[in-house]
Amino acid sequence: IRWSERLLVLDYPDEGGQHLEVTNFKSGFGALQLRPQPGVDVGQLSVAVFAGGDRVVEAGKPRTGDGYLLFVLPAGKYDVLVAQGGQSVWVADIDVPLDRTRLKQIAAPASRRP
């Protein structure tokens, strides 16, 4: 059993009033919660996660929650491919911490400006 002496949960606007902290991981794992920017339905996006620098073999499949995608992955660095309407964008070097949940807000490719 590992004990966390300090786990502080703050109210962040990008969480939309819904904080998710995934616990009870298999040893060596963490979680990545991806939320689309406000006004974008998560169901409109195609999202794939790859081990940092790989970009060939997907590292895992998401579980869909209420307005978010959740990946439980070995702790480490990951690259995320977000696609929508024939456009795509990479979000590189996202750290998935050991025994913790990383929240990352992602922009839909169609809404990104060059």
C-alpha atoms as a PDB file:
ATOM      1  CA  ILE A   1       0.000   0.000   0.000  1.00  0.00           C
ATOM      2  CA  ARG A   2       1.272   3.446  -0.867  1.00  0.00           C
ATOM      3  CA  TRP A   3       0.058   6.399   1.122  1.00  0.00           C
ATOM      4  CA  SER A   4      -0.373   9.876  -0.256  1.00  0.00           C
ATOM      5  CA  GLU A   5       0.252  12.433   2.440  1.00  0.00           C
ATOM      6  CA  ARG A   6      -0.866  15.381   0.353  1.00  0.00           C
ATOM      7  CA  LEU A   7      -3.384  15.161  -2.428  1.00  0.00           C
ATOM      8  CA  LEU A   8      -4.818  18.607  -3.004  1.00  0.00           C
ATOM      9  CA  VAL A   9      -7.859  18.988  -5.223  1.00  0.00           C
ATOM     10  CA  LEU A  10      -8.457  22.511  -6.483  1.00  0.00           C
ATOM     11  CA  ASP A  11     -11.314  23.926  -8.529  1.00  0.00           C
ATOM     12  CA  TYR A  12      -9.902  24.554 -12.010  1.00  0.00           C
ATOM     13  CA  PRO A  13     -12.092  26.152 -14.712  1.00  0.00           C
ATOM     14  CA  ASP A  14     -10.997  23.604 -17.351  1.00  0.00           C
ATOM     15  CA  GLU A  15     -12.477  20.790 -15.269  1.00  0.00           C
ATOM     16  CA  GLY A  16     -15.991  22.172 -15.640  1.00  0.00           C
ATOM     17  CA  GLY A  17     -16.690  21.513 -11.961  1.00  0.00           C
ATOM     18  CA  GLN A  18     -15.886  17.813 -12.379  1.00  0.00           C
ATOM     19  CA  HIS A  19     -12.592  16.624 -10.954  1.00  0.00           C
ATOM     20  CA  LEU A  20     -11.516  13.083 -11.756  1.00  0.00           C
ATOM     21  CA  GLU A  21      -8.756  11.357  -9.822  1.00  0.00           C
ATOM     22  CA  VAL A  22      -8.225   7.747 -10.833  1.00  0.00           C
ATOM     23  CA  THR A  23      -6.779   5.497  -8.142  1.00  0.00           C
ATOM     24  CA  ASN A  24      -6.060   1.821  -7.583  1.00  0.00           C
ATOM     25  CA  PHE A  25      -3.612   1.482 -10.462  1.00  0.00           C
ATOM     26  CA  LYS A  26      -1.675  -1.580 -11.373  1.00  0.00           C
ATOM     27  CA  SER A  27       1.932  -0.981 -10.329  1.00  0.00           C
ATOM     28  CA  GLY A  28       3.738   1.410 -12.699  1.00  0.00           C
ATOM     29  CA  PHE A  29       0.597   3.012 -14.194  1.00  0.00           C
ATOM     30  CA  GLY A  30      -1.078   6.422 -14.230  1.00  0.00           C
ATOM     31  CA  ALA A  31      -4.026   8.001 -16.040  1.00  0.00           C
ATOM     32  CA  LEU A  32      -4.479  10.637 -18.731  1.00  0.00           C
ATOM     33  CA  GLN A  33      -7.788  12.468 -18.848  1.00  0.00           C
ATOM     34  CA  LEU A  34      -8.355  14.444 -22.065  1.00  0.00           C
ATOM     35  CA  ARG A  35     -11.090  17.076 -22.194  1.00  0.00           C
ATOM     36  CA  PRO A  36     -11.962  18.986 -25.343  1.00  0.00           C
ATOM     37  CA  GLN A  37     -12.107  22.745 -25.197  1.00  0.00           C
ATOM     38  CA  PRO A  38     -15.506  24.229 -24.257  1.00  0.00           C
ATOM     39  CA  GLY A  39     -18.107  23.904 -27.008  1.00  0.00           C
ATOM     40  CA  VAL A  40     -16.541  20.784 -28.563  1.00  0.00           C
ATOM     41  CA  ASP A  41     -18.278  17.429 -28.137  1.00  0.00           C
ATOM     42  CA  VAL A  42     -15.773  14.688 -27.266  1.00  0.00           C
ATOM     43  CA  GLY A  43     -17.746  12.381 -29.587  1.00  0.00           C
ATOM     44  CA  GLN A  44     -16.746  14.553 -32.578  1.00  0.00           C
ATOM     45  CA  LEU A  45     -13.045  13.870 -32.035  1.00  0.00           C
ATOM     46  CA  SER A  46     -10.874  10.915 -32.943  1.00  0.00           C
ATOM     47  CA  VAL A  47      -8.060  10.612 -30.406  1.00  0.00           C
ATOM     48  CA  ALA A  48      -5.092   8.224 -30.355  1.00  0.00           C
ATOM     49  CA  VAL A  49      -2.275   8.056 -27.790  1.00  0.00           C
ATOM     50  CA  PHE A  50       1.246   6.856 -28.612  1.00  0.00           C
ATOM     51  CA  ALA A  51       4.327   6.309 -26.457  1.00  0.00           C
ATOM     52  CA  GLY A  52       6.532   9.393 -26.712  1.00  0.00           C
ATOM     53  CA  GLY A  53       8.368   9.419 -30.041  1.00  0.00           C
ATOM     54  CA  ASP A  54       6.639   6.277 -31.398  1.00  0.00           C
ATOM     55  CA  ARG A  55       3.594   7.535 -33.363  1.00  0.00           C
ATOM     56  CA  VAL A  56       3.041   4.098 -34.955  1.00  0.00           C
ATOM     57  CA  VAL A  57       1.571   1.741 -32.349  1.00  0.00           C
ATOM     58  CA  GLU A  58      -1.260   3.059 -30.165  1.00  0.00           C
ATOM     59  CA  ALA A  59      -0.467   2.815 -26.461  1.00  0.00           C
ATOM     60  CA  GLY A  60      -4.041   2.204 -25.332  1.00  0.00           C
ATOM     61  CA  LYS A  61      -7.730   2.664 -25.966  1.00  0.00           C
ATOM     62  CA  PRO A  62      -9.790   5.303 -24.177  1.00  0.00           C
ATOM     63  CA  ARG A  63     -12.766   4.937 -21.914  1.00  0.00           C
ATOM     64  CA  THR A  64     -15.352   7.606 -22.640  1.00  0.00           C
ATOM     65  CA  GLY A  65     -16.723   9.582 -19.714  1.00  0.00           C
ATOM     66  CA  ASP A  66     -19.086  12.524 -19.438  1.00  0.00           C
ATOM     67  CA  GLY A  67     -17.268  14.990 -21.696  1.00  0.00           C
ATOM     68  CA  TYR A  68     -13.831  13.413 -21.498  1.00  0.00           C
ATOM     69  CA  LEU A  69     -11.656  10.485 -22.600  1.00  0.00           C
ATOM     70  CA  LEU A  70      -9.637   8.504 -20.076  1.00  0.00           C
ATOM     71  CA  PHE A  71      -6.514   6.472 -20.833  1.00  0.00           C
ATOM     72  CA  VAL A  72      -4.899   4.270 -18.167  1.00  0.00           C
ATOM     73  CA  LEU A  73      -1.275   3.883 -19.269  1.00  0.00           C
ATOM     74  CA  PRO A  74       2.167   2.992 -17.978  1.00  0.00           C
ATOM     75  CA  ALA A  75       3.664   6.121 -16.398  1.00  0.00           C
ATOM     76  CA  GLY A  76       5.776   8.057 -18.923  1.00  0.00           C
ATOM     77  CA  LYS A  77       5.680  10.505 -21.839  1.00  0.00           C
ATOM     78  CA  TYR A  78       3.059  10.282 -24.595  1.00  0.00           C
ATOM     79  CA  ASP A  79       2.139  11.952 -27.874  1.00  0.00           C
ATOM     80  CA  VAL A  80      -1.555  12.443 -28.649  1.00  0.00           C
ATOM     81  CA  LEU A  81      -3.104  12.675 -32.124  1.00  0.00           C
ATOM     82  CA  VAL A  82      -6.406  14.589 -32.229  1.00  0.00           C
ATOM     83  CA  ALA A  83      -8.409  14.438 -35.480  1.00  0.00           C
ATOM     84  CA  GLN A  84     -11.680  16.030 -36.556  1.00  0.00           C
ATOM     85  CA  GLY A  85     -13.220  16.614 -39.953  1.00  0.00           C
ATOM     86  CA  GLY A  86     -10.166  15.559 -41.967  1.00  0.00           C
ATOM     87  CA  GLN A  87      -7.769  17.733 -39.963  1.00  0.00           C
ATOM     88  CA  SER A  88      -5.413  16.553 -37.247  1.00  0.00           C
ATOM     89  CA  VAL A  89      -2.967  17.940 -34.735  1.00  0.00           C
ATOM     90  CA  TRP A  90      -0.319  16.365 -32.496  1.00  0.00           C
ATOM     91  CA  VAL A  91       0.050  17.242 -28.825  1.00  0.00           C
ATOM     92  CA  ALA A  92       3.520  16.049 -27.848  1.00  0.00           C
ATOM     93  CA  ASP A  93       5.304  15.178 -24.621  1.00  0.00           C
ATOM     94  CA  ILE A  94       2.391  14.761 -22.220  1.00  0.00           C
ATOM     95  CA  ASP A  95       3.597  13.318 -18.936  1.00  0.00           C
ATOM     96  CA  VAL A  96       1.442  10.588 -17.377  1.00  0.00           C
ATOM     97  CA  PRO A  97       2.538  10.557 -13.738  1.00  0.00           C
ATOM     98  CA  LEU A  98       2.974   7.396 -11.700  1.00  0.00           C
ATOM     99  CA  ASP A  99      -0.118   6.678  -9.554  1.00  0.00           C
ATOM    100  CA  ARG A 100      -1.758   9.974 -10.510  1.00  0.00           C
ATOM    101  CA  THR A 101      -4.126  11.429 -13.082  1.00  0.00           C
ATOM    102  CA  ARG A 102      -2.973  14.056 -15.612  1.00  0.00           C
ATOM    103  CA  LEU A 103      -5.696  16.329 -16.995  1.00  0.00           C
ATOM    104  CA  LYS A 104      -5.043  17.890 -20.385  1.00  0.00           C
ATOM    105  CA  GLN A 105      -7.446  20.116 -22.291  1.00  0.00           C
ATOM    106  CA  ILE A 106      -7.202  19.546 -26.030  1.00  0.00           C
ATOM    107  CA  ALA A 107      -8.249  21.801 -28.891  1.00  0.00           C
ATOM    108  CA  ALA A 108     -10.170  20.474 -31.873  1.00  0.00           C
ATOM    109  CA  PRO A 109      -7.966  20.713 -34.998  1.00  0.00           C
ATOM    110  CA  ALA A 110     -10.607  22.696 -36.898  1.00  0.00           C
ATOM    111  CA  SER A 111     -10.575  25.355 -34.166  1.00  0.00           C
ATOM    112  CA  ARG A 112      -6.797  25.821 -34.069  1.00  0.00           C
ATOM    113  CA  ARG A 113      -5.336  28.806 -35.823  1.00  0.00           C
ATOM    114  CA  PRO A 114      -2.119  28.430 -37.826  1.00  0.00           C
END
